[in-house]
Amino acid sequence: MAVMLESGLEVALIVLFALALMPLLRQQSAAVRHWVLAAALVCAALAPALHAIVPTWRLPIALPPPTLAADVSVPSSSDAVAVREDRRHARPARGVVLGIGQETLLRVAATLWTIWILGAVFGVAVLLVGLAQLARLGRAARPLTRGPWVEHAHEIGRAYRLNRPVTLLQSDHPMLLVTWGVLRPRILLPAGAAEWEQERARLVLSHELAHVRRRDWLVQLAAELLRALYWFNPLLWIACRRLRAEGEQACDDAVLASGVEGSRYATQLVQIARELHQRTWLPAPSIARTSNLERRIKAMLDTRVNRRPISRQGCAAALLAVLAVAVPVTGLAVAQAVFATVTGSIVDVTDGAVPDVTLVLTNVATKARNEVRSDRTGRYEFVGLPAGEYLLEASAPGFAALHGRLTLDGQSVNRNLKLQVGSLRETISVRANPARPETQVSAPPDFRALSEARRQRAAQRCNTRMEAGTPIGGDIRPPRKLYDVRPVYPASALSAGAEGSVVLEGVIGTDGTIDDVKVVSTPHPDLAAAAVDAVRQWQFDATLLNCVAIPVKLGITVDFARER
């Protein structure tokens, strides 16, 4: 749908330019105005093809991959256990789930696309029916090989320097007079044409053979087809109607330029239009067309009207003028009207696909929020995104959130994301009474064998899930604390009146022991030493991701306070 809207905008701008030139060209001949309109319609029809050769009006900036940083705010160990239980009973991944605004936009776009398709099919069908009627009339008519009509046609054809043979057809229909064909042009005469006087016959043939020389049928057919495809554009209806009117007047000018008196030609034209009032629409030009008849009569009687045919140099100049507008319009429309699609896959650190991840793209300028979820194979897709700066966020239970930026300029983007396992956080409160100092607990037993046994049992039960040939990951089993040691309030800190929060960071290794304990902040060195000493004695079983033991970060806050 975006492509059709983009093409429709380009067509509208090009045709609008040609229509705006018509008042400025009123002193020029109808042939000039007709050629300008024809050139504009041709450029409008070729606008989609020009995308391959016309440079777009974008800044040449290469887009680097988005910088993604993990958010340290993740569930605690107890929350992680709850998350594991929830995931066990969660429903299957739902695939791509669009936000409400985006889903509504797509429904509207699908409806408009259907309406456009139906209108285009109807318009093309009407055109095909008209062409079928012309073919049927041509088969039913009798070719004329001799007589006054044939002699007049040969004489006028030589005067027009026609190098193509024209077939005259005698129809049984009393009111049909049309001309069609390019390589083998045909003129269909009404049933009573044999009884017409010589002057009328010459005028009719002069007009219809002017259509043949100018190839008006091909131009009109192309314009009708373009209007059928872009039927929703009122500018095309106006342009097609004006194109037919200027074509008829240009042929009238060709007749008058041969020496025919304007008043006599106008009289004959009125009589022909009265006698051959065609009620059947056919995609072919005709002298008997009654639309714009009054305008044509006034032009015939006005001796000041410019009737000169357009030269080859004039054709080239008009075409270049239209192209000078069509080319930048095409490039500008490409840069401004297209929408981008952002796709990709989401995996964990073991390269397993993570389903049901919530992804949010927020437009920095408009604050428009687009939300999707990854499907069962970890794939996600945002569609219909206008150009601009976006904030990207991806989150899933048990994983650290990802944040980044994307710059979209109308081109589709593929971004594969890797989620890191979130860190655990634990808070401990230590209260102490100076009158009853605590003592340190002895060293804990070794639970490494128990942790390793659990990991092995989990690995034996683990069967890698596959979805469309993709290994499915995202199965986090948080660690359980097997041995807990509470920090002891140091007597030195009590006597010094020290209290406050000690913040530590550590890593639960694959064997469940605490490694790399670091002090982030502390109100007193003795408080930090007591907290570190207790934390180092903790024992966990292994953290499992897809049945594989992995290290996980642990954040500890120990609040030391004196009893009041």
Protein backbone atom coordinates (compact mmCIF):
# COMPACT_ATOMS: atom_id res chain seq x y z
CA MET A 1 0.00 0.00 0.00
CA ALA A 2 2.88 2.35 0.74
CA VAL A 3 4.22 1.84 -2.76
CA MET A 4 0.85 2.70 -4.30
CA LEU A 5 0.50 5.83 -2.18
CA GLU A 6 4.02 6.84 -3.11
CA SER A 7 3.38 6.31 -6.84
CA GLY A 8 0.03 8.09 -6.55
CA LEU A 9 1.74 11.12 -5.04
CA GLU A 10 4.30 11.22 -7.84
CA VAL A 11 1.62 10.89 -10.52
CA ALA A 12 -0.46 13.62 -8.91
CA LEU A 13 2.45 16.07 -8.79
CA ILE A 14 3.49 15.44 -12.39
CA VAL A 15 -0.06 15.73 -13.75
CA LEU A 16 -0.71 18.80 -11.61
CA PHE A 17 2.33 20.45 -13.17
CA ALA A 18 1.00 19.78 -16.68
CA LEU A 19 -2.49 21.05 -15.84
CA ALA A 20 -0.99 24.18 -14.28
CA LEU A 21 0.79 24.86 -17.58
CA MET A 22 -2.44 24.84 -19.59
CA PRO A 23 -3.46 28.46 -18.80
CA LEU A 24 0.09 29.58 -19.58
CA LEU A 25 -0.07 27.83 -22.97
CA ARG A 26 -3.43 29.28 -24.05
CA GLN A 27 -1.69 31.32 -26.77
CA GLN A 28 -0.07 28.15 -28.12
CA SER A 29 -1.81 25.70 -30.44
CA ALA A 30 -3.94 22.79 -29.25
CA ALA A 31 -1.27 20.45 -30.62
CA VAL A 32 1.28 21.91 -28.19
CA ARG A 33 -1.06 21.62 -25.21
CA HIS A 34 -1.99 18.06 -26.20
CA TRP A 35 1.67 17.04 -26.42
CA VAL A 36 2.49 18.58 -23.00
CA LEU A 37 -0.37 16.63 -21.42
CA ALA A 38 0.66 13.46 -23.23
CA ALA A 39 4.29 13.84 -22.12
CA ALA A 40 3.19 14.38 -18.52
CA LEU A 41 0.99 11.27 -18.56
CA VAL A 42 3.81 9.21 -20.04
CA CYS A 43 6.22 10.42 -17.34
CA ALA A 44 3.59 9.73 -14.69
CA ALA A 45 3.13 6.18 -15.99
CA LEU A 46 6.90 5.64 -15.95
CA ALA A 47 7.33 7.09 -12.45
CA PRO A 48 7.60 3.65 -10.73
CA ALA A 49 10.26 2.60 -13.27
CA LEU A 50 12.21 5.83 -12.70
CA HIS A 51 12.95 4.69 -9.14
CA ALA A 52 15.64 2.37 -10.48
CA ILE A 53 17.57 5.20 -12.18
CA VAL A 54 16.61 8.40 -10.36
CA PRO A 55 18.78 9.20 -7.31
CA THR A 56 16.75 9.66 -4.16
CA TRP A 57 17.00 12.85 -2.14
CA ARG A 58 18.52 11.36 1.00
CA LEU A 59 21.63 12.27 2.93
CA PRO A 60 24.34 9.67 2.22
CA ILE A 61 24.77 8.54 5.83
CA ALA A 62 25.72 4.94 6.55
CA LEU A 63 23.72 3.50 9.41
CA PRO A 64 25.84 1.66 12.01
CA PRO A 65 24.32 -1.15 14.04
CA PRO A 66 22.53 0.15 17.14
CA THR A 67 24.51 0.29 20.36
CA LEU A 68 22.76 -1.92 22.89
CA ALA A 69 23.47 -1.80 26.61
CA ALA A 70 22.16 -4.12 29.30
CA ASP A 71 19.99 -2.68 32.04
CA VAL A 72 21.19 -3.71 35.50
CA SER A 73 17.70 -3.55 37.03
CA VAL A 74 16.49 -7.17 36.88
CA PRO A 75 14.43 -9.45 39.10
CA SER A 76 15.75 -10.72 42.40
CA SER A 77 16.40 -14.40 43.01
CA SER A 78 12.97 -14.95 44.53
CA ASP A 79 11.35 -13.14 41.62
CA ALA A 80 13.34 -15.26 39.19
CA VAL A 81 11.92 -18.41 40.75
CA ALA A 82 8.42 -17.03 40.29
CA VAL A 83 9.24 -16.16 36.69
CA ARG A 84 10.35 -19.73 36.07
CA GLU A 85 7.06 -21.06 37.42
CA ASP A 86 5.08 -18.57 35.32
CA ARG A 87 6.97 -19.53 32.16
CA ARG A 88 6.24 -23.18 32.82
CA HIS A 89 2.51 -22.48 32.57
CA ALA A 90 2.70 -19.73 29.97
CA ARG A 91 0.85 -20.13 26.71
CA PRO A 92 2.84 -20.71 23.51
CA ALA A 93 4.43 -17.77 21.77
CA ARG A 94 1.88 -15.86 19.76
CA GLY A 95 4.13 -14.80 16.91
CA VAL A 96 4.25 -11.17 15.91
CA VAL A 97 1.76 -9.18 17.96
CA LEU A 98 1.33 -5.58 16.86
CA GLY A 99 0.57 -2.63 19.06
CA ILE A 100 -2.94 -1.28 18.91
CA GLY A 101 -2.07 1.78 16.80
CA GLN A 102 0.04 -0.15 14.33
CA GLU A 103 -2.49 -2.98 14.04
CA THR A 104 -5.24 -0.50 13.29
CA LEU A 105 -3.03 1.18 10.70
CA LEU A 106 -2.43 -2.14 8.95
CA ARG A 107 -6.14 -2.98 8.93
CA VAL A 108 -6.93 0.38 7.37
CA ALA A 109 -4.12 -0.08 4.85
CA ALA A 110 -5.40 -3.54 3.92
CA THR A 111 -8.92 -2.16 3.42
CA LEU A 112 -7.67 0.69 1.23
CA TRP A 113 -5.53 -1.73 -0.76
CA THR A 114 -8.57 -3.94 -1.41
CA ILE A 115 -10.66 -0.95 -2.48
CA TRP A 116 -7.92 0.20 -4.86
CA ILE A 117 -7.58 -3.29 -6.36
CA LEU A 118 -11.33 -3.52 -6.96
CA GLY A 119 -11.45 -0.07 -8.56
CA ALA A 120 -8.42 -0.79 -10.78
CA VAL A 121 -9.84 -4.15 -11.87
CA PHE A 122 -13.15 -2.51 -12.73
CA GLY A 123 -11.47 0.28 -14.71
CA VAL A 124 -9.25 -2.10 -16.66
CA ALA A 125 -12.23 -4.38 -17.29
CA VAL A 126 -14.23 -1.48 -18.77
CA LEU A 127 -11.29 -0.61 -21.01
CA LEU A 128 -10.93 -4.23 -22.15
CA VAL A 129 -14.65 -4.41 -22.90
CA GLY A 130 -14.33 -1.30 -25.06
CA LEU A 131 -11.38 -2.79 -26.95
CA ALA A 132 -13.32 -6.02 -27.44
CA GLN A 133 -16.22 -4.01 -28.88
CA LEU A 134 -13.85 -2.29 -31.32
CA ALA A 135 -12.46 -5.67 -32.41
CA ARG A 136 -15.98 -7.04 -32.85
CA LEU A 137 -17.08 -4.03 -34.88
CA GLY A 138 -13.97 -4.34 -37.05
CA ARG A 139 -14.68 -8.02 -37.79
CA ALA A 140 -18.33 -7.35 -38.58
CA ALA A 141 -17.64 -4.36 -40.88
CA ARG A 142 -16.98 -4.56 -44.64
CA PRO A 143 -13.63 -3.16 -45.91
CA LEU A 144 -13.88 -0.50 -48.63
CA THR A 145 -11.45 -1.06 -51.52
CA ARG A 146 -12.81 1.36 -54.11
CA GLY A 147 -15.09 4.36 -54.45
CA PRO A 148 -15.00 8.06 -53.53
CA TRP A 149 -14.14 7.43 -49.85
CA VAL A 150 -11.06 5.41 -50.78
CA GLU A 151 -9.94 8.02 -53.32
CA HIS A 152 -10.36 10.86 -50.81
CA ALA A 153 -8.46 8.86 -48.16
CA HIS A 154 -5.51 8.28 -50.52
CA GLU A 155 -5.41 11.96 -51.51
CA ILE A 156 -5.57 13.28 -47.93
CA GLY A 157 -3.08 10.65 -46.76
CA ARG A 158 -0.56 11.85 -49.33
CA ALA A 159 -1.12 15.43 -48.20
CA TYR A 160 -0.52 14.37 -44.57
CA ARG A 161 2.50 12.30 -45.63
CA LEU A 162 1.12 9.17 -44.04
CA ASN A 163 3.40 6.18 -44.56
CA ARG A 164 0.93 3.66 -43.12
CA PRO A 165 -1.98 2.14 -45.01
CA VAL A 166 -5.35 3.07 -43.53
CA THR A 167 -8.27 0.65 -43.79
CA LEU A 168 -11.76 2.08 -44.31
CA LEU A 169 -14.53 -0.06 -42.85
CA GLN A 170 -18.24 0.20 -43.68
CA SER A 171 -20.37 -0.58 -40.63
CA ASP A 172 -24.06 -1.50 -40.47
CA HIS A 173 -24.41 0.70 -37.39
CA PRO A 174 -26.02 4.04 -38.33
CA MET A 175 -24.23 6.18 -35.71
CA LEU A 176 -20.67 4.83 -35.31
CA LEU A 177 -17.69 6.82 -36.58
CA VAL A 178 -14.41 5.99 -34.82
CA THR A 179 -10.72 5.63 -35.59
CA TRP A 180 -8.32 3.22 -33.91
CA GLY A 181 -5.11 1.29 -34.45
CA VAL A 182 -1.42 2.17 -34.70
CA LEU A 183 0.39 -0.11 -37.15
CA ARG A 184 -2.83 -0.93 -39.01
CA PRO A 185 -5.11 2.06 -38.40
CA ARG A 186 -8.80 1.68 -39.18
CA ILE A 187 -11.62 4.17 -39.72
CA LEU A 188 -15.13 2.81 -39.11
CA LEU A 189 -17.78 4.67 -41.14
CA PRO A 190 -21.49 4.69 -40.28
CA ALA A 191 -24.06 2.89 -42.43
CA GLY A 192 -25.22 6.01 -44.32
CA ALA A 193 -21.74 7.34 -45.09
CA ALA A 194 -22.00 6.30 -48.77
CA GLU A 195 -24.79 8.87 -49.24
CA TRP A 196 -22.87 11.78 -47.75
CA GLU A 197 -21.87 14.66 -49.98
CA GLN A 198 -18.25 14.94 -51.06
CA GLU A 199 -17.47 17.95 -48.89
CA ARG A 200 -18.57 16.19 -45.70
CA ALA A 201 -16.63 13.05 -46.64
CA ARG A 202 -13.44 15.05 -47.16
CA LEU A 203 -13.88 16.92 -43.86
CA VAL A 204 -14.48 13.70 -41.93
CA LEU A 205 -11.50 11.93 -43.49
CA SER A 206 -9.28 14.98 -42.96
CA HIS A 207 -10.16 14.96 -39.26
CA GLU A 208 -9.86 11.20 -38.73
CA LEU A 209 -6.62 10.88 -40.71
CA ALA A 210 -5.19 13.70 -38.60
CA HIS A 211 -5.82 11.42 -35.58
CA VAL A 212 -3.92 8.65 -37.40
CA ARG A 213 -1.00 10.91 -38.22
CA ARG A 214 -0.78 12.16 -34.64
CA ARG A 215 -1.19 8.64 -33.15
CA ASP A 216 -3.92 9.96 -30.88
CA TRP A 217 -5.46 6.52 -30.32
CA LEU A 218 -2.28 5.17 -28.71
CA VAL A 219 -1.93 8.25 -26.50
CA GLN A 220 -5.58 8.10 -25.44
CA LEU A 221 -5.40 4.37 -24.74
CA ALA A 222 -2.34 4.81 -22.51
CA ALA A 223 -4.05 7.66 -20.67
CA GLU A 224 -7.20 5.60 -20.12
CA LEU A 225 -5.12 2.72 -18.73
CA LEU A 226 -3.27 5.05 -16.36
CA ARG A 227 -6.57 6.51 -15.19
CA ALA A 228 -7.94 3.01 -14.58
CA LEU A 229 -4.96 2.15 -12.36
CA TYR A 230 -5.05 5.46 -10.45
CA TRP A 231 -8.81 5.84 -10.54
CA PHE A 232 -8.82 7.49 -7.09
CA ASN A 233 -6.83 10.48 -8.43
CA PRO A 234 -9.22 13.20 -9.68
CA LEU A 235 -6.35 14.98 -11.46
CA LEU A 236 -6.06 12.06 -13.88
CA TRP A 237 -9.75 12.26 -14.77
CA ILE A 238 -9.33 15.97 -15.47
CA ALA A 239 -6.15 15.38 -17.48
CA CYS A 240 -7.69 12.60 -19.61
CA ARG A 241 -10.72 14.73 -20.39
CA ARG A 242 -8.52 17.69 -21.30
CA LEU A 243 -6.29 15.41 -23.39
CA ARG A 244 -9.25 14.25 -25.50
CA ALA A 245 -10.49 17.81 -25.93
CA GLU A 246 -7.08 19.14 -27.03
CA GLY A 247 -6.65 16.18 -29.39
CA GLU A 248 -9.96 16.85 -31.13
CA GLN A 249 -9.20 20.55 -31.42
CA ALA A 250 -5.72 19.80 -32.81
CA CYS A 251 -7.31 17.68 -35.54
CA ASP A 252 -9.82 20.45 -36.22
CA ASP A 253 -6.87 22.83 -36.63
CA ALA A 254 -5.29 20.40 -39.11
CA VAL A 255 -8.51 20.45 -41.17
CA LEU A 256 -8.72 24.25 -41.12
CA ALA A 257 -5.02 24.53 -41.98
CA SER A 258 -5.74 22.69 -45.25
CA GLY A 259 -7.80 25.66 -46.47
CA VAL A 260 -11.30 24.79 -45.24
CA GLU A 261 -13.41 27.75 -44.20
CA GLY A 262 -14.15 27.77 -40.49
CA SER A 263 -17.88 28.53 -40.79
CA ARG A 264 -18.49 25.72 -43.30
CA TYR A 265 -16.52 23.26 -41.17
CA ALA A 266 -18.45 24.30 -38.04
CA THR A 267 -21.78 23.83 -39.86
CA GLN A 268 -20.82 20.34 -41.00
CA LEU A 269 -19.51 19.42 -37.55
CA VAL A 270 -22.79 20.42 -35.88
CA GLN A 271 -24.80 18.38 -38.39
CA ILE A 272 -22.53 15.33 -37.98
CA ALA A 273 -22.72 15.54 -34.18
CA ARG A 274 -26.52 15.80 -34.39
CA GLU A 275 -26.84 12.79 -36.71
CA LEU A 276 -24.18 10.58 -35.11
CA HIS A 277 -24.90 11.10 -31.44
CA GLN A 278 -23.02 8.04 -30.13
CA ARG A 279 -24.36 6.61 -26.90
CA THR A 280 -21.87 3.74 -26.75
CA TRP A 281 -18.52 4.58 -25.15
CA LEU A 282 -15.57 3.34 -27.15
CA PRO A 283 -11.87 3.92 -26.40
CA ALA A 284 -11.19 5.68 -29.71
CA PRO A 285 -11.24 9.27 -31.03
CA SER A 286 -13.97 10.50 -33.35
CA ILE A 287 -15.08 13.72 -35.04
CA ALA A 288 -18.60 13.03 -33.81
CA ARG A 289 -17.68 13.27 -30.13
CA THR A 290 -20.11 15.77 -28.61
CA SER A 291 -18.09 16.64 -25.51
CA ASN A 292 -16.51 20.12 -25.76
CA LEU A 293 -18.42 20.70 -29.01
CA GLU A 294 -19.17 24.32 -28.13
CA ARG A 295 -15.51 24.98 -27.35
CA ARG A 296 -14.46 23.45 -30.66
CA ILE A 297 -16.96 25.57 -32.61
CA LYS A 298 -15.75 28.77 -30.98
CA ALA A 299 -12.15 27.87 -31.79
CA MET A 300 -13.06 27.20 -35.45
CA LEU A 301 -14.69 30.58 -35.83
CA ASP A 302 -11.93 32.50 -34.05
CA THR A 303 -9.37 33.56 -36.63
CA ARG A 304 -6.86 34.56 -33.94
CA VAL A 305 -6.41 30.98 -32.67
CA ASN A 306 -2.94 29.51 -33.17
CA ARG A 307 -3.34 26.42 -35.39
CA ARG A 308 0.26 25.56 -36.10
CA PRO A 309 1.20 21.90 -35.52
CA ILE A 310 3.94 21.15 -33.05
CA SER A 311 7.39 20.61 -34.53
CA ARG A 312 9.88 17.93 -33.57
CA GLN A 313 11.92 20.51 -31.73
CA GLY A 314 8.79 21.58 -29.84
CA CYS A 315 8.03 17.97 -28.92
CA ALA A 316 11.55 17.51 -27.56
CA ALA A 317 11.44 20.79 -25.64
CA ALA A 318 8.08 19.95 -24.04
CA LEU A 319 9.24 16.46 -23.10
CA LEU A 320 12.43 17.83 -21.51
CA ALA A 321 10.42 20.40 -19.58
CA VAL A 322 8.14 17.71 -18.16
CA LEU A 323 11.09 15.44 -17.38
CA ALA A 324 12.81 18.32 -15.57
CA VAL A 325 9.91 18.24 -13.13
CA ALA A 326 9.19 14.50 -13.13
CA VAL A 327 12.74 13.41 -12.24
CA PRO A 328 13.15 15.48 -9.03
CA VAL A 329 9.53 14.81 -8.06
CA THR A 330 10.16 11.07 -8.31
CA GLY A 331 13.31 11.28 -6.19
CA LEU A 332 11.70 13.56 -3.62
CA ALA A 333 8.61 11.37 -3.31
CA VAL A 334 10.81 8.34 -2.75
CA ALA A 335 12.62 10.08 0.09
CA GLN A 336 9.48 11.38 1.77
CA ALA A 337 6.78 8.76 1.30
CA VAL A 338 8.26 5.32 1.85
CA PHE A 339 7.97 3.37 5.07
CA ALA A 340 10.55 1.08 6.58
CA THR A 341 10.41 -2.41 8.00
CA VAL A 342 12.62 -3.53 10.90
CA THR A 343 13.14 -7.26 11.26
CA GLY A 344 15.54 -9.57 13.06
CA SER A 345 16.04 -12.47 15.44
CA ILE A 346 16.55 -12.57 19.19
CA VAL A 347 18.84 -15.16 20.77
CA ASP A 348 20.40 -15.78 24.18
CA VAL A 349 24.09 -16.25 24.95
CA THR A 350 23.85 -19.90 23.86
CA ASP A 351 22.44 -18.77 20.46
CA GLY A 352 19.05 -20.26 21.23
CA ALA A 353 16.04 -18.34 19.92
CA VAL A 354 14.13 -16.49 22.63
CA PRO A 355 10.34 -16.43 22.05
CA ASP A 356 7.82 -13.98 23.49
CA VAL A 357 10.27 -11.10 23.89
CA THR A 358 8.60 -7.69 24.10
CA LEU A 359 10.16 -5.15 21.73
CA VAL A 360 9.23 -1.49 21.66
CA LEU A 361 10.25 1.12 19.08
CA THR A 362 9.46 4.69 20.10
CA ASN A 363 9.74 7.58 17.66
CA VAL A 364 11.87 10.24 19.32
CA ALA A 365 10.11 13.15 17.59
CA THR A 366 6.45 12.05 17.65
CA LYS A 367 6.59 9.72 20.69
CA ALA A 368 4.63 7.16 18.64
CA ARG A 369 5.08 3.75 20.29
CA ASN A 370 5.19 0.51 18.30
CA GLU A 371 5.21 -2.77 20.22
CA VAL A 372 5.65 -6.33 18.96
CA ARG A 373 6.55 -9.73 20.40
CA SER A 374 8.98 -12.25 18.99
CA ASP A 375 7.44 -15.44 17.63
CA ARG A 376 8.28 -19.04 18.57
CA THR A 377 11.51 -18.90 16.58
CA GLY A 378 12.65 -15.58 18.04
CA ARG A 379 11.76 -13.58 14.92
CA TYR A 380 10.24 -10.12 15.16
CA GLU A 381 9.02 -7.54 12.65
CA PHE A 382 8.01 -3.89 12.75
CA VAL A 383 6.23 -2.64 9.62
CA GLY A 384 5.03 0.74 8.35
CA LEU A 385 7.63 2.85 10.18
CA PRO A 386 8.15 6.40 8.84
CA ALA A 387 11.64 7.86 8.65
CA GLY A 388 13.10 9.20 11.88
CA GLU A 389 15.05 8.46 15.05
CA TYR A 390 13.78 5.59 17.22
CA LEU A 391 14.52 4.23 20.68
CA LEU A 392 14.65 0.44 20.78
CA GLU A 393 13.93 -1.63 23.89
CA ALA A 394 13.80 -5.43 24.21
CA SER A 395 12.81 -7.17 27.43
CA ALA A 396 12.02 -10.70 28.59
CA PRO A 397 11.61 -12.23 32.07
CA GLY A 398 14.95 -13.32 33.50
CA PHE A 399 17.01 -11.38 30.93
CA ALA A 400 18.59 -7.96 31.14
CA ALA A 401 16.76 -5.35 29.08
CA LEU A 402 18.38 -4.07 25.88
CA HIS A 403 18.31 -0.41 24.92
CA GLY A 404 19.52 1.22 21.71
CA ARG A 405 18.76 3.70 18.94
CA LEU A 406 17.82 3.22 15.31
CA THR A 407 17.83 5.75 12.48
CA LEU A 408 15.37 4.90 9.69
CA ASP A 409 15.37 6.64 6.30
CA GLY A 410 12.83 4.52 4.43
CA GLN A 411 15.00 1.46 3.85
CA SER A 412 14.31 -1.86 5.55
CA VAL A 413 16.65 -2.75 8.41
CA ASN A 414 17.63 -6.15 9.83
CA ARG A 415 18.88 -6.19 13.43
CA ASN A 416 19.71 -9.41 15.31
CA LEU A 417 19.76 -9.01 19.09
CA LYS A 418 21.43 -11.09 21.82
CA LEU A 419 19.96 -11.06 25.33
CA GLN A 420 22.17 -11.41 28.37
CA VAL A 421 20.96 -13.18 31.50
CA GLY A 422 19.94 -10.68 34.13
CA SER A 423 21.71 -10.25 37.41
CA LEU A 424 20.30 -11.23 40.83
CA ARG A 425 19.95 -8.85 43.73
CA GLU A 426 19.61 -9.54 47.43
CA THR A 427 19.17 -7.17 50.39
CA ILE A 428 20.05 -8.10 53.97
CA SER A 429 19.33 -6.16 57.14
CA VAL A 430 21.74 -6.56 60.05
CA ARG A 431 20.69 -5.20 63.47
CA ALA A 432 23.08 -5.24 66.39
CA ASN A 433 22.92 -4.44 70.13
CA PRO A 434 26.19 -3.15 71.59
CA ALA A 435 25.40 -5.03 74.79
CA ARG A 436 25.15 -8.41 72.93
CA PRO A 437 27.88 -8.65 70.25
CA GLU A 438 27.56 -11.44 67.66
CA THR A 439 30.14 -14.09 66.88
CA GLN A 440 31.25 -15.37 63.46
CA VAL A 441 29.76 -18.60 62.15
CA SER A 442 32.18 -21.39 61.25
CA ALA A 443 33.03 -22.14 57.61
CA PRO A 444 30.19 -23.74 55.58
CA PRO A 445 30.24 -27.28 54.25
CA ASP A 446 31.16 -27.86 50.58
CA PHE A 447 28.03 -28.00 48.39
CA ARG A 448 29.88 -28.17 45.09
CA ALA A 449 29.13 -31.84 44.62
CA LEU A 450 25.41 -31.20 45.18
CA SER A 451 25.38 -28.34 42.64
CA GLU A 452 27.22 -30.44 40.06
CA ALA A 453 24.81 -33.33 40.58
CA ARG A 454 21.83 -31.04 39.96
CA ARG A 455 23.41 -29.68 36.80
CA GLN A 456 24.04 -33.19 35.50
CA ARG A 457 20.48 -34.30 36.25
CA ALA A 458 19.13 -31.25 34.43
CA ALA A 459 21.39 -31.92 31.44
CA GLN A 460 20.13 -35.50 31.25
CA ARG A 461 16.51 -34.33 31.21
CA CYS A 462 17.18 -31.55 28.72
CA ASN A 463 16.08 -32.10 25.12
CA THR A 464 16.81 -29.19 22.84
CA ARG A 465 13.54 -27.87 21.43
CA MET A 466 13.48 -27.10 17.72
CA GLU A 467 11.08 -24.89 15.77
CA ALA A 468 11.45 -24.73 11.97
CA GLY A 469 15.04 -25.91 12.29
CA THR A 470 15.89 -23.26 14.93
CA PRO A 471 16.99 -24.28 18.45
CA ILE A 472 14.66 -22.68 21.00
CA GLY A 473 16.32 -21.13 24.05
CA GLY A 474 15.35 -18.69 26.75
CA ASP A 475 14.84 -21.39 29.41
CA ILE A 476 16.35 -19.90 32.57
CA ARG A 477 16.46 -21.87 35.84
CA PRO A 478 17.68 -19.50 38.56
CA PRO A 479 19.98 -20.72 41.33
CA ARG A 480 18.79 -21.81 44.75
CA LYS A 481 20.67 -20.79 47.85
CA LEU A 482 21.88 -23.93 49.60
CA TYR A 483 23.82 -22.33 52.46
CA ASP A 484 23.30 -18.85 53.91
CA VAL A 485 25.58 -16.94 56.29
CA ARG A 486 24.44 -13.65 57.77
CA PRO A 487 27.05 -10.92 58.21
CA VAL A 488 28.16 -10.18 61.80
CA TYR A 489 28.15 -6.58 62.98
CA PRO A 490 31.83 -5.94 63.83
CA ALA A 491 32.50 -4.83 67.41
CA SER A 492 34.91 -2.21 66.17
CA ALA A 493 32.21 -0.69 63.99
CA LEU A 494 29.75 -0.80 66.90
CA SER A 495 32.09 1.00 69.19
CA ALA A 496 32.81 3.58 66.49
CA GLY A 497 29.09 4.10 65.93
CA ALA A 498 29.41 3.14 62.23
CA GLU A 499 26.30 2.09 60.36
CA GLY A 500 24.83 2.27 56.87
CA SER A 501 24.59 0.23 53.67
CA VAL A 502 27.38 -1.80 52.15
CA VAL A 503 26.90 -2.47 48.42
CA LEU A 504 28.69 -5.49 46.93
CA GLU A 505 28.91 -7.09 43.53
CA GLY A 506 29.85 -10.70 42.89
CA VAL A 507 29.41 -13.62 40.52
CA ILE A 508 27.77 -16.94 41.21
CA GLY A 509 30.02 -19.38 39.38
CA THR A 510 28.98 -22.50 37.52
CA ASP A 511 29.77 -24.52 40.67
CA GLY A 512 27.55 -22.32 42.89
CA THR A 513 30.34 -20.54 44.79
CA ILE A 514 30.66 -16.77 45.04
CA ASP A 515 33.57 -15.34 43.05
CA ASP A 516 34.96 -11.88 42.45
CA VAL A 517 33.26 -10.11 45.34
CA LYS A 518 33.86 -6.36 45.01
CA VAL A 519 32.92 -3.52 47.31
CA VAL A 520 30.96 -0.85 45.46
CA SER A 521 30.37 1.43 48.43
CA THR A 522 30.64 1.25 52.24
CA PRO A 523 30.29 3.65 55.20
CA HIS A 524 33.11 1.90 57.11
CA PRO A 525 35.88 -0.54 56.10
CA ASP A 526 35.07 -2.96 58.94
CA LEU A 527 31.44 -3.17 57.79
CA ALA A 528 32.60 -3.98 54.25
CA ALA A 529 34.99 -6.65 55.50
CA ALA A 530 32.24 -8.30 57.56
CA ALA A 531 29.83 -8.29 54.61
CA VAL A 532 32.42 -9.73 52.21
CA ASP A 533 33.43 -12.40 54.68
CA ALA A 534 29.83 -13.63 55.03
CA VAL A 535 28.97 -13.47 51.32
CA ARG A 536 32.01 -15.50 50.34
CA GLN A 537 30.60 -18.39 52.41
CA TRP A 538 27.29 -18.53 50.55
CA GLN A 539 26.59 -21.61 48.47
CA PHE A 540 24.18 -21.88 45.50
CA ASP A 541 23.44 -24.57 43.03
CA ALA A 542 24.16 -23.79 39.37
CA THR A 543 22.24 -21.26 37.28
CA LEU A 544 21.02 -23.08 34.16
CA LEU A 545 20.32 -21.56 30.75
CA ASN A 546 18.91 -24.14 28.36
CA CYS A 547 20.23 -26.83 30.77
CA VAL A 548 23.77 -25.39 30.61
CA ALA A 549 25.41 -24.04 33.78
CA ILE A 550 26.34 -20.38 33.41
CA PRO A 551 27.77 -17.72 35.74
CA VAL A 552 25.37 -14.99 36.83
CA LYS A 553 25.99 -11.61 38.44
CA LEU A 554 24.82 -11.04 41.98
CA GLY A 555 24.25 -7.67 43.64
CA ILE A 556 24.12 -7.58 47.46
CA THR A 557 23.10 -4.73 49.73
CA VAL A 558 23.79 -5.18 53.45
CA ASP A 559 22.09 -2.62 55.70
CA PHE A 560 23.92 -2.31 59.04
CA ALA A 561 21.95 -0.54 61.78
CA ARG A 562 22.29 -0.23 65.56
CA GLU A 563 19.29 -0.98 67.74
CA ARG A 564 17.97 2.17 69.36
